[in-house]
C-alpha atoms as a PDB file:
ATOM      1  CA  MET A   1      -0.304   4.021  -8.528  1.00  0.00           C
ATOM      2  CA  THR A   2       3.000   5.839  -9.236  1.00  0.00           C
ATOM      3  CA  ALA A   3       4.001   9.236 -10.498  1.00  0.00           C
ATOM      4  CA  HIS A   4       4.286   7.946 -14.028  1.00  0.00           C
ATOM      5  CA  HIS A   5       0.654   6.726 -14.103  1.00  0.00           C
ATOM      6  CA  PRO A   6      -1.809   8.760 -12.149  1.00  0.00           C
ATOM      7  CA  GLU A   7      -4.959   7.707 -11.171  1.00  0.00           C
ATOM      8  CA  GLY A   8      -8.973   8.910 -11.060  1.00  0.00           C
ATOM      9  CA  TRP A   9      -8.499  12.109 -13.234  1.00  0.00           C
ATOM     10  CA  ARG A  10     -11.214  14.668 -12.656  1.00  0.00           C
ATOM     11  CA  LYS A  11     -12.375  18.007 -13.366  1.00  0.00           C
ATOM     12  CA  SER A  12     -13.772  20.615 -10.893  1.00  0.00           C
ATOM     13  CA  SER A  13     -17.712  20.610 -10.869  1.00  0.00           C
ATOM     14  CA  ARG A  14     -17.258  24.238 -11.652  1.00  0.00           C
ATOM     15  CA  SER A  15     -15.890  24.496 -14.938  1.00  0.00           C
ATOM     16  CA  GLN A  16     -18.104  22.062 -16.372  1.00  0.00           C
ATOM     17  CA  HIS A  17     -19.397  24.533 -18.649  1.00  0.00           C
ATOM     18  CA  GLN A  18     -15.644  26.185 -19.326  1.00  0.00           C
ATOM     19  CA  THR A  19     -13.531  24.536 -22.238  1.00  0.00           C
ATOM     20  CA  ALA A  20     -10.059  26.022 -20.214  1.00  0.00           C
ATOM     21  CA  CYS A  21      -9.988  23.829 -17.448  1.00  0.00           C
ATOM     22  CA  VAL A  22      -6.936  21.552 -16.253  1.00  0.00           C
ATOM     23  CA  GLU A  23      -7.734  18.158 -14.663  1.00  0.00           C
ATOM     24  CA  VAL A  24      -5.912  16.526 -11.372  1.00  0.00           C
ATOM     25  CA  GLY A  25      -4.918  13.193 -10.877  1.00  0.00           C
ATOM     26  CA  ARG A  26      -3.816  11.027  -7.834  1.00  0.00           C
ATOM     27  CA  ILE A  27      -0.042   9.934  -7.675  1.00  0.00           C
ATOM     28  CA  ALA A  28       1.444   8.222  -4.649  1.00  0.00           C
ATOM     29  CA  ASP A  29       2.306  10.866  -2.892  1.00  0.00           C
ATOM     30  CA  GLY A  30       0.941  14.246  -4.309  1.00  0.00           C
ATOM     31  CA  ALA A  31      -1.395  15.505  -7.576  1.00  0.00           C
ATOM     32  CA  ALA A  32      -0.502  15.284 -11.180  1.00  0.00           C
ATOM     33  CA  VAL A  33      -2.120  18.058 -13.409  1.00  0.00           C
ATOM     34  CA  ARG A  34      -2.712  18.351 -16.951  1.00  0.00           C
ATOM     35  CA  ASP A  35      -5.170  20.282 -19.432  1.00  0.00           C
ATOM     36  CA  SER A  36      -8.227  18.821 -20.050  1.00  0.00           C
ATOM     37  CA  LYS A  37      -8.454  20.039 -23.667  1.00  0.00           C
ATOM     38  CA  ASP A  38      -4.622  18.489 -24.553  1.00  0.00           C
ATOM     39  CA  ARG A  39      -4.324  15.454 -22.525  1.00  0.00           C
ATOM     40  CA  ALA A  40      -2.042  14.000 -24.882  1.00  0.00           C
ATOM     41  CA  ALA A  41       0.274  16.772 -24.013  1.00  0.00           C
ATOM     42  CA  GLY A  42       1.481  14.822 -20.749  1.00  0.00           C
ATOM     43  CA  PHE A  43       0.888  16.711 -17.156  1.00  0.00           C
ATOM     44  CA  VAL A  44       2.962  17.748 -14.476  1.00  0.00           C
ATOM     45  CA  THR A  45       3.424  16.671 -10.779  1.00  0.00           C
ATOM     46  CA  ALA A  46       3.269  17.839  -7.334  1.00  0.00           C
ATOM     47  CA  SER A  47       4.438  16.249  -4.294  1.00  0.00           C
ATOM     48  CA  GLY A  48       1.860  16.066  -1.434  1.00  0.00           C
ATOM     49  CA  SER A  49       3.032  18.909   0.733  1.00  0.00           C
ATOM     50  CA  GLN A  50       3.299  21.218  -2.485  1.00  0.00           C
ATOM     51  CA  TRP A  51      -0.018  20.043  -3.533  1.00  0.00           C
ATOM     52  CA  ARG A  52      -1.042  21.053  -0.292  1.00  0.00           C
ATOM     53  CA  ALA A  53       0.601  24.280  -0.034  1.00  0.00           C
ATOM     54  CA  PHE A  54      -1.077  25.272  -3.303  1.00  0.00           C
ATOM     55  CA  VAL A  55      -4.385  24.157  -2.292  1.00  0.00           C
ATOM     56  CA  THR A  56      -4.117  26.381   0.776  1.00  0.00           C
ATOM     57  CA  ALA A  57      -2.633  29.594  -1.345  1.00  0.00           C
ATOM     58  CA  VAL A  58      -5.993  29.253  -3.582  1.00  0.00           C
ATOM     59  CA  LYS A  59      -8.597  29.314  -0.781  1.00  0.00           C
ATOM     60  CA  THR A  60      -6.575  32.054   1.154  1.00  0.00           C
ATOM     61  CA  ASP A  61      -6.734  34.138  -2.170  1.00  0.00           C
ATOM     62  CA  ARG A  62      -2.728  34.829  -2.043  1.00  0.00           C
ATOM     63  CA  PHE A  63      -3.348  34.805  -5.807  1.00  0.00           C
ATOM     64  CA  GLY A  64      -6.141  37.423  -6.377  1.00  0.00           C
END
């Protein structure tokens, strides 16, 4: 697994019936994110520490 080949793409179970979703894949040290409707457009990556900070911010409603 490298930053260029994310694995294990998945979409949140809370967005099963939504059309505007993102998917998250694993990379060696972090995560990759892509648009579930336009997978061919590519993806962006975040290091492990960046991804953990993002998830913490979401869980503590810093974007609300």
